[in-house]
Amino acid sequence: IVFFPTALESGLPLLNPYKDKSANFRHGANFAVVGATALSAQVMAEKKIVLSFTNSSLDIQLDWMSSHFETTCSPDCPVQLKKSLFLVGHIGGNDIIYGLSQGKTMEELRRLVPHIVHTIIHGVKRVIGFGATRIVVPGTFPKGCGPAILTQFMNNDSSSYDEYHCLKELNNLTIFYNDHLQRAVEEMKKEYTNITLVYGDYYNAYMWFLQNAVTLGFDKNSLQKACCGVGGEYNYDKNRKCGAQGVPVCDNPSSHFNWDGLHLTQAAYSWLTRWLIDDMLPKLNCHV
């Protein structure tokens, strides 16, 4: 699973989606699915959380990966994959977003976190079983800073917001999740001493950007407004999303942090990627 700005910023080719059977997979493959969760649809249903985009959870994507390897490099996969970089995620954040959007309490979501982390770690172990020796396991971005969430949970209590106008409670939930995942990765390192495992600190990359956005040339008045969107304080309306007829795009996307209320602009991802590469590359024992 590959974060495309990381490839672009590293001078690497974009990876074709696994489902495109006519694609060239010489440089690798992308198994990600929009809106996918770490937990299976069945487990989410047991938690009374409905998946609206896809049922292709992490395990299903890893099943695809297994099938892909069987047809492309078996039985020499371990030798070939030893030279590859695997990015497992980021994926657990969607589980939290679905829960938030369906009215789950903070306590319910905190109880969900260990299950999400266990599933991701199980997925990482499967990837190691395929032959991977160099793996990045990303955390998730702050959940309290994006236009969609800020619109949904907007309130008049100034104490709910931090200095960057992010919702404190939702960012604290994100920190709780990331701490669990990072500790799990550290525990894995003790078990898999011959594997390079690196935690991808997406949260601090994001917060670094908010602290430095103006210096980097971004419009300070639009950091939490969608470039492609319409309506409200954050230029986001869930009923009139980016791509719908009549929904405008800002004049200069490269000066905006957020693209559509849910995703960042390419310019923003580029800066986050630079931070992440500087942070992770020394730990990966590889060069780009």
Protein backbone atom coordinates (compact mmCIF):
# COMPACT_ATOMS: atom_id res chain seq x y z
CA ILE A 1 0.00 0.00 0.00
CA VAL A 2 1.67 3.24 -1.06
CA PHE A 3 1.14 6.90 -0.20
CA PHE A 4 1.47 8.48 -3.67
CA PRO A 5 3.09 11.81 -2.64
CA THR A 6 5.88 9.80 -1.01
CA ALA A 7 6.66 8.25 -4.37
CA LEU A 8 6.52 11.58 -6.21
CA GLU A 9 8.70 13.39 -3.68
CA SER A 10 11.20 10.52 -3.69
CA GLY A 11 11.48 10.47 -7.47
CA LEU A 12 9.86 7.03 -7.65
CA PRO A 13 7.21 5.94 -10.15
CA LEU A 14 3.58 5.80 -9.04
CA LEU A 15 2.35 2.27 -8.40
CA ASN A 16 -0.50 0.91 -10.47
CA PRO A 17 -3.60 -0.47 -8.73
CA TYR A 18 -3.62 -4.21 -8.27
CA LYS A 19 -7.06 -4.55 -9.87
CA ASP A 20 -5.75 -3.14 -13.16
CA LYS A 21 -4.73 -6.48 -14.67
CA SER A 22 -3.23 -4.81 -17.74
CA ALA A 23 -0.90 -2.63 -15.66
CA ASN A 24 2.87 -2.90 -15.36
CA PHE A 25 3.84 -3.98 -11.85
CA ARG A 26 7.57 -3.88 -12.42
CA HIS A 27 8.01 -1.21 -9.74
CA GLY A 28 5.44 -2.63 -7.32
CA ALA A 29 1.69 -2.59 -6.81
CA ASN A 30 -0.90 -0.60 -4.91
CA PHE A 31 -3.52 -2.60 -2.99
CA ALA A 32 -5.24 0.35 -1.29
CA VAL A 33 -8.99 0.98 -1.55
CA VAL A 34 -10.69 4.30 -0.86
CA GLY A 35 -12.44 4.31 2.51
CA ALA A 36 -11.02 0.92 3.52
CA THR A 37 -10.81 -0.03 7.19
CA ALA A 38 -8.38 -2.12 9.17
CA LEU A 39 -11.21 -4.06 10.82
CA SER A 40 -13.36 -6.29 8.64
CA ALA A 41 -16.89 -5.30 7.68
CA GLN A 42 -18.15 -8.12 9.92
CA VAL A 43 -16.29 -6.85 12.98
CA MET A 44 -17.40 -3.28 12.28
CA ALA A 45 -21.00 -4.48 11.99
CA GLU A 46 -20.64 -6.20 15.37
CA LYS A 47 -19.61 -2.80 16.75
CA LYS A 48 -22.72 -1.35 15.05
CA ILE A 49 -20.66 0.68 12.57
CA VAL A 50 -21.76 0.54 8.95
CA LEU A 51 -19.24 0.80 6.11
CA SER A 52 -20.48 3.07 3.36
CA PHE A 53 -17.63 2.95 0.82
CA THR A 54 -16.13 -0.53 0.63
CA ASN A 55 -15.85 -3.91 2.34
CA SER A 56 -12.22 -4.29 1.22
CA SER A 57 -10.59 -4.22 4.64
CA LEU A 58 -6.89 -4.74 5.35
CA ASP A 59 -7.15 -8.54 5.36
CA ILE A 60 -8.79 -8.55 1.94
CA GLN A 61 -6.09 -6.28 0.55
CA LEU A 62 -3.43 -8.61 1.97
CA ASP A 63 -5.21 -11.56 0.35
CA TRP A 64 -4.82 -9.71 -2.95
CA MET A 65 -1.15 -9.14 -2.16
CA SER A 66 -0.68 -12.85 -1.51
CA SER A 67 -2.35 -13.77 -4.81
CA HIS A 68 -0.25 -11.18 -6.61
CA PHE A 69 2.98 -12.64 -5.29
CA GLU A 70 1.92 -16.17 -6.16
CA THR A 71 1.51 -15.18 -9.80
CA THR A 72 4.48 -12.81 -10.16
CA CYS A 73 7.42 -14.05 -8.12
CA SER A 74 6.71 -17.42 -6.51
CA PRO A 75 8.78 -19.27 -5.35
CA ASP A 76 11.51 -16.59 -5.32
CA CYS A 77 9.46 -13.89 -3.57
CA PRO A 78 11.48 -13.75 -0.35
CA VAL A 79 14.65 -13.03 -2.31
CA GLN A 80 13.01 -10.32 -4.42
CA LEU A 81 10.94 -8.75 -1.63
CA LYS A 82 13.99 -8.41 0.61
CA LYS A 83 14.92 -5.37 -1.50
CA SER A 84 11.42 -3.84 -1.38
CA LEU A 85 9.85 -1.21 0.85
CA PHE A 86 6.38 -1.94 2.27
CA LEU A 87 4.04 0.76 3.56
CA VAL A 88 1.26 -0.89 5.58
CA GLY A 89 -1.35 1.86 5.93
CA HIS A 90 -2.32 4.34 6.88
CA ILE A 91 -5.65 2.63 7.30
CA GLY A 92 -6.94 2.51 10.90
CA GLY A 93 -8.00 6.14 10.82
CA ASN A 94 -10.97 5.26 8.63
CA ASP A 95 -12.33 2.95 11.34
CA ILE A 96 -12.37 5.92 13.71
CA ILE A 97 -13.90 8.28 11.14
CA TYR A 98 -16.77 5.87 10.45
CA GLY A 99 -17.42 5.58 14.17
CA LEU A 100 -17.34 9.35 14.64
CA SER A 101 -19.71 9.96 11.76
CA GLN A 102 -22.18 7.42 13.19
CA GLY A 103 -22.34 8.92 16.67
CA LYS A 104 -20.01 6.69 18.64
CA THR A 105 -18.76 8.22 21.89
CA MET A 106 -15.11 8.92 22.63
CA GLU A 107 -15.11 6.06 25.12
CA GLU A 108 -16.55 3.64 22.56
CA LEU A 109 -13.89 4.68 20.04
CA ARG A 110 -11.10 4.33 22.59
CA ARG A 111 -12.28 0.78 23.29
CA LEU A 112 -12.13 0.13 19.54
CA VAL A 113 -8.48 1.22 19.25
CA PRO A 114 -6.80 -1.96 20.62
CA HIS A 115 -8.80 -4.05 18.12
CA ILE A 116 -7.71 -1.82 15.23
CA VAL A 117 -4.07 -1.92 16.30
CA HIS A 118 -4.13 -5.70 16.77
CA THR A 119 -5.50 -6.09 13.25
CA ILE A 120 -2.82 -3.85 11.75
CA ILE A 121 -0.03 -5.66 13.59
CA HIS A 122 -1.44 -9.00 12.41
CA GLY A 123 -1.33 -7.55 8.88
CA VAL A 124 2.29 -6.50 9.32
CA LYS A 125 3.14 -10.05 10.41
CA ARG A 126 1.48 -11.40 7.26
CA VAL A 127 3.60 -9.03 5.17
CA ILE A 128 6.72 -10.30 6.95
CA GLY A 129 5.55 -13.81 6.12
CA PHE A 130 5.49 -12.86 2.44
CA GLY A 131 9.18 -11.99 2.69
CA ALA A 132 9.20 -8.28 3.56
CA THR A 133 12.18 -7.09 5.58
CA ARG A 134 11.71 -3.29 5.42
CA ILE A 135 8.31 -1.98 6.54
CA VAL A 136 6.80 1.39 7.45
CA VAL A 137 3.69 1.32 9.66
CA PRO A 138 2.11 4.80 9.61
CA GLY A 139 0.03 6.37 12.32
CA THR A 140 -2.84 8.64 11.36
CA PHE A 141 -3.29 12.38 10.88
CA PRO A 142 -4.94 14.58 13.54
CA LYS A 143 -8.68 13.93 13.32
CA GLY A 144 -9.66 17.29 14.77
CA CYS A 145 -8.17 19.56 12.10
CA GLY A 146 -9.92 18.83 8.79
CA PRO A 147 -12.84 20.78 7.31
CA ALA A 148 -15.24 17.81 7.24
CA ILE A 149 -14.76 16.99 10.93
CA LEU A 150 -14.62 20.65 11.98
CA THR A 151 -17.93 21.22 10.18
CA GLN A 152 -19.59 18.18 11.75
CA PHE A 153 -18.48 18.95 15.30
CA MET A 154 -18.48 22.74 15.20
CA ASN A 155 -19.40 24.40 18.49
CA ASN A 156 -19.25 27.79 20.23
CA ASP A 157 -17.03 26.67 23.12
CA SER A 158 -13.61 28.19 22.45
CA SER A 159 -12.02 25.83 24.99
CA SER A 160 -12.85 22.93 22.62
CA TYR A 161 -10.22 24.21 20.16
CA ASP A 162 -6.43 24.35 20.37
CA GLU A 163 -4.15 27.14 19.13
CA TYR A 164 -4.47 25.85 15.55
CA HIS A 165 -8.27 25.72 15.78
CA CYS A 166 -8.25 21.92 15.84
CA LEU A 167 -10.72 20.11 18.09
CA LYS A 168 -8.78 19.00 21.16
CA GLU A 169 -10.92 15.98 22.02
CA LEU A 170 -10.59 14.47 18.56
CA ASN A 171 -6.86 15.11 18.41
CA ASN A 172 -6.47 13.51 21.83
CA LEU A 173 -8.26 10.45 20.46
CA THR A 174 -5.81 10.41 17.55
CA ILE A 175 -2.86 10.63 19.94
CA PHE A 176 -4.35 7.74 21.95
CA TYR A 177 -4.60 5.65 18.77
CA ASN A 178 -1.12 6.55 17.51
CA ASP A 179 0.46 5.82 20.91
CA HIS A 180 -1.08 2.34 20.92
CA LEU A 181 0.12 1.66 17.39
CA GLN A 182 3.62 2.98 18.02
CA ARG A 183 4.01 0.88 21.17
CA ALA A 184 2.84 -2.19 19.24
CA VAL A 185 5.45 -1.54 16.54
CA GLU A 186 8.15 -1.21 19.21
CA GLU A 187 7.07 -4.55 20.71
CA MET A 188 7.26 -6.15 17.27
CA LYS A 189 10.84 -4.97 16.90
CA LYS A 190 11.79 -7.10 19.91
CA GLU A 191 10.26 -10.16 18.27
CA TYR A 192 11.52 -9.52 14.72
CA THR A 193 15.08 -8.37 15.31
CA ASN A 194 16.10 -9.05 11.70
CA ILE A 195 13.29 -6.89 10.26
CA THR A 196 13.47 -3.11 9.80
CA LEU A 197 10.21 -1.75 11.24
CA VAL A 198 9.60 1.99 11.26
CA TYR A 199 6.63 3.91 12.66
CA GLY A 200 5.48 6.67 10.29
CA ASP A 201 4.71 9.74 12.40
CA TYR A 202 1.96 11.29 10.28
CA TYR A 203 0.54 13.19 13.25
CA ASN A 204 3.67 15.22 13.98
CA ALA A 205 4.30 15.77 10.26
CA TYR A 206 0.83 17.34 10.03
CA MET A 207 1.29 19.48 13.14
CA TRP A 208 4.71 20.62 11.93
CA PHE A 209 3.03 21.83 8.76
CA LEU A 210 0.37 23.79 10.64
CA GLN A 211 3.11 25.48 12.66
CA ASN A 212 5.10 26.42 9.55
CA ALA A 213 2.45 26.74 6.82
CA VAL A 214 2.66 30.52 6.42
CA THR A 215 6.45 30.44 6.21
CA LEU A 216 6.10 27.76 3.54
CA GLY A 217 3.90 30.05 1.44
CA PHE A 218 0.39 28.86 2.36
CA ASP A 219 -2.54 31.19 2.99
CA LYS A 220 -3.03 31.42 6.77
CA ASN A 221 -6.74 32.18 6.30
CA SER A 222 -7.43 28.99 4.34
CA LEU A 223 -5.56 26.32 6.32
CA GLN A 224 -8.79 24.68 7.45
CA LYS A 225 -10.95 25.52 4.46
CA ALA A 226 -11.43 23.15 1.57
CA CYS A 227 -10.07 24.39 -1.76
CA CYS A 228 -12.67 22.37 -3.64
CA GLY A 229 -15.92 22.93 -1.79
CA VAL A 230 -18.68 25.35 -0.96
CA GLY A 231 -20.51 26.74 2.06
CA GLY A 232 -19.99 27.24 5.75
CA GLU A 233 -17.02 28.37 7.79
CA TYR A 234 -14.78 25.64 6.38
CA ASN A 235 -15.98 25.71 2.76
CA TYR A 236 -17.37 22.19 3.14
CA ASP A 237 -20.86 20.79 2.74
CA LYS A 238 -21.32 17.02 2.95
CA ASN A 239 -24.29 17.31 0.61
CA ARG A 240 -22.34 19.29 -2.01
CA LYS A 241 -18.91 17.70 -2.10
CA CYS A 242 -16.00 18.36 -4.41
CA GLY A 243 -16.81 17.09 -7.90
CA ALA A 244 -20.53 17.76 -7.67
CA GLN A 245 -22.07 20.10 -10.21
CA GLY A 246 -21.62 23.76 -9.26
CA VAL A 247 -19.03 23.16 -6.54
CA PRO A 248 -16.11 25.54 -7.23
CA VAL A 249 -12.36 25.10 -6.88
CA CYS A 250 -10.14 27.78 -5.36
CA ASP A 251 -7.98 29.86 -7.71
CA ASN A 252 -4.63 28.68 -6.34
CA PRO A 253 -4.72 25.15 -4.86
CA SER A 254 -0.98 25.28 -4.13
CA SER A 255 -1.63 27.93 -1.46
CA HIS A 256 -4.27 25.75 0.25
CA PHE A 257 -3.63 22.98 2.75
CA ASN A 258 -6.86 21.04 2.31
CA TRP A 259 -8.27 19.94 -1.04
CA ASP A 260 -11.81 18.63 -0.55
CA GLY A 261 -12.48 18.61 3.18
CA LEU A 262 -11.12 15.07 3.59
CA HIS A 263 -7.81 15.07 1.71
CA LEU A 264 -4.92 17.51 1.47
CA THR A 265 -3.69 19.30 -1.63
CA GLN A 266 -0.74 17.95 -3.57
CA ALA A 267 1.34 20.92 -2.39
CA ALA A 268 0.57 20.11 1.25
CA TYR A 269 1.28 16.40 0.82
CA SER A 270 4.60 17.30 -0.76
CA TRP A 271 5.72 19.17 2.36
CA LEU A 272 4.47 16.44 4.69
CA THR A 273 6.33 13.88 2.65
CA ARG A 274 9.59 15.80 2.92
CA TRP A 275 9.21 15.85 6.69
CA LEU A 276 8.43 12.13 6.77
CA ILE A 277 11.33 11.21 4.48
CA ASP A 278 13.75 13.19 6.66
CA ASP A 279 12.33 11.49 9.74
CA MET A 280 12.16 7.92 8.42
CA LEU A 281 14.94 7.51 5.90
CA PRO A 282 17.80 7.19 8.42
CA LYS A 283 15.80 4.45 10.20
CA LEU A 284 15.10 2.44 7.01
CA ASN A 285 18.68 1.64 6.08
CA CYS A 286 18.02 2.55 2.48
CA HIS A 287 18.59 5.45 0.09
CA VAL A 288 16.38 7.23 -2.42
